[in-house]
Structure formats: structure tokens, C-alpha cells
């Protein structure tokens, strides 16, 4: 018997992987801008709000790329096998030996 299932776990893992990777890329860009600023390059002043915008935009970009690549989870085909095991048990009993008479 074939069972069709969607691999939600793998799809969700890939989605979260893309979002976190995009946010990390945005954080790297922010660090690069801070390094450029300290080196005397004319870049905008950086603050926490700018870091949030950069990280969110990186996360959203990767989210949309992932959804373009994998809009739905993959179909997993599984084979289900049912096995029935029966067993027979034969029990034989022997009559108990009669008690031996006690010697006086």
C-alpha cells in the first residue's frame, strides 16, 4: 500500500534556514558598513533601527527565494507493509505420579 505524504518538517526546516541565513547576511552587511565608517568611508550613520531594517530585508529576500524554489513541501511516497504473525503453542501435561505409600 502506498501512502502519499507531504514533507512538512523538511520544508519548514529549509524555510527557517533561509530566513536565518538572510538575517545573518544582513547583519554581515551592517558590520561591513560599520567597518567602512570606522575606516573613514562616507557611509550613512548606523544605528539599531538600520540594523533591524537590513536584517529583515535580508530575511525576507531569502524567504521569497525559498518560496520560489519550493512553494510546497515535497511529496514523500512511503511503502506500508503489514505483517501478521501467528503462533501455535502445544502444551502437554503428564499425570502426576501417585504418591508412594509411606513405610511404617
Protein backbone atom coordinates (compact mmCIF):
# COMPACT_ATOMS: atom_id res chain seq x y z
CA UNK A 1 0.00 0.00 0.00
CA UNK A 2 1.44 3.41 -0.97
CA UNK A 3 0.88 6.40 1.27
CA UNK A 4 1.40 9.93 -0.05
CA UNK A 5 2.58 12.43 2.49
CA UNK A 6 3.98 15.95 2.35
CA UNK A 7 7.37 16.52 3.95
CA UNK A 8 6.34 19.49 6.11
CA UNK A 9 9.20 19.04 8.56
CA UNK A 10 11.90 19.27 5.88
CA UNK A 11 10.14 22.15 4.12
CA UNK A 12 9.76 24.16 7.34
CA UNK A 13 13.41 23.48 8.25
CA UNK A 14 14.52 24.82 4.87
CA UNK A 15 12.27 27.87 5.26
CA UNK A 16 13.71 28.72 8.68
CA UNK A 17 17.21 28.05 7.37
CA UNK A 18 16.66 30.60 4.61
CA UNK A 19 15.21 33.23 6.93
CA UNK A 20 18.02 32.92 9.47
CA UNK A 21 20.65 32.91 6.71
CA UNK A 22 19.16 36.07 5.22
CA UNK A 23 19.14 37.84 8.58
CA UNK A 24 22.76 36.79 9.15
CA UNK A 25 23.71 38.14 5.73
CA UNK A 26 22.03 41.43 6.63
CA UNK A 27 23.98 41.50 9.91
CA UNK A 28 27.20 40.92 7.97
CA UNK A 29 26.37 43.83 5.68
CA UNK A 30 25.76 46.04 8.73
CA UNK A 31 29.14 45.05 10.21
CA UNK A 32 30.74 45.82 6.85
CA UNK A 33 29.16 49.26 6.85
CA UNK A 34 30.36 49.88 10.41
CA UNK A 35 33.89 48.84 9.41
CA UNK A 36 33.75 51.16 6.40
CA UNK A 37 32.57 54.01 8.63
CA UNK A 38 35.47 53.47 11.03
CA UNK A 39 37.88 53.39 8.07
CA UNK A 40 36.71 56.84 7.02
CA UNK A 41 34.48 55.85 4.11
CA UNK A 42 31.43 58.07 3.72
CA UNK A 43 28.52 55.77 4.63
CA UNK A 44 25.29 56.62 6.45
CA UNK A 45 25.32 56.71 10.23
CA UNK A 46 24.40 53.31 11.62
CA UNK A 47 22.01 52.61 14.45
CA UNK A 48 19.92 49.71 15.74
CA UNK A 49 16.96 50.68 13.58
CA UNK A 50 19.13 50.43 10.46
CA UNK A 51 20.38 47.01 11.61
CA UNK A 52 16.78 45.81 12.02
CA UNK A 53 15.77 47.04 8.56
CA UNK A 54 18.81 45.43 6.93
CA UNK A 55 18.31 42.08 8.72
CA UNK A 56 14.58 41.95 8.00
CA UNK A 57 15.10 42.81 4.34
CA UNK A 58 17.74 40.08 4.06
CA UNK A 59 15.46 37.57 5.77
CA UNK A 60 12.50 38.48 3.53
CA UNK A 61 14.63 38.23 0.39
CA UNK A 62 15.75 34.72 1.32
CA UNK A 63 12.20 33.79 2.35
CA UNK A 64 10.88 34.75 -1.09
CA UNK A 65 13.72 32.94 -2.87
CA UNK A 66 12.98 29.80 -0.86
CA UNK A 67 9.25 30.01 -1.60
CA UNK A 68 10.04 30.44 -5.30
CA UNK A 69 12.27 27.36 -5.24
CA UNK A 70 10.00 25.23 -3.06
CA UNK A 71 6.43 26.60 -2.89
CA UNK A 72 5.09 23.41 -1.30
CA UNK A 73 6.67 20.54 0.60
CA UNK A 74 7.92 17.61 -1.44
CA UNK A 75 5.72 14.54 -1.72
CA UNK A 76 7.13 11.56 0.10
CA UNK A 77 6.00 8.14 -1.02
CA UNK A 78 6.16 5.51 1.67
CA UNK A 79 5.50 1.82 1.37
CA UNK A 80 3.47 0.40 4.22
CA UNK A 81 3.85 -3.29 4.90
CA UNK A 82 1.63 -5.16 7.29
CA UNK A 83 2.81 -8.48 8.61
CA UNK A 84 0.67 -10.84 10.63
CA UNK A 85 2.40 -13.40 12.77
CA UNK A 86 0.57 -16.35 14.25
CA UNK A 87 1.94 -18.89 16.60
CA UNK A 88 0.69 -22.16 17.95
CA UNK A 89 1.55 -23.47 21.33
CA UNK A 90 1.19 -27.08 22.26
CA UNK A 91 1.18 -27.88 25.93
CA UNK A 92 1.40 -31.46 27.08
CA UNK A 93 0.93 -32.42 30.65
CA UNK A 94 1.88 -35.64 32.27
CA UNK A 95 -0.21 -37.08 35.02
CA UNK A 96 1.38 -36.65 38.37
CA UNK A 97 2.92 -39.79 39.80
CA UNK A 98 0.83 -41.32 42.54
CA UNK A 99 2.25 -40.80 45.97
CA UNK A 100 4.27 -43.68 47.26
CA UNK A 101 2.93 -45.24 50.41
CA UNK A 102 4.89 -44.28 53.48
CA UNK A 103 6.76 -47.06 55.09
CA UNK A 104 5.99 -47.58 58.78
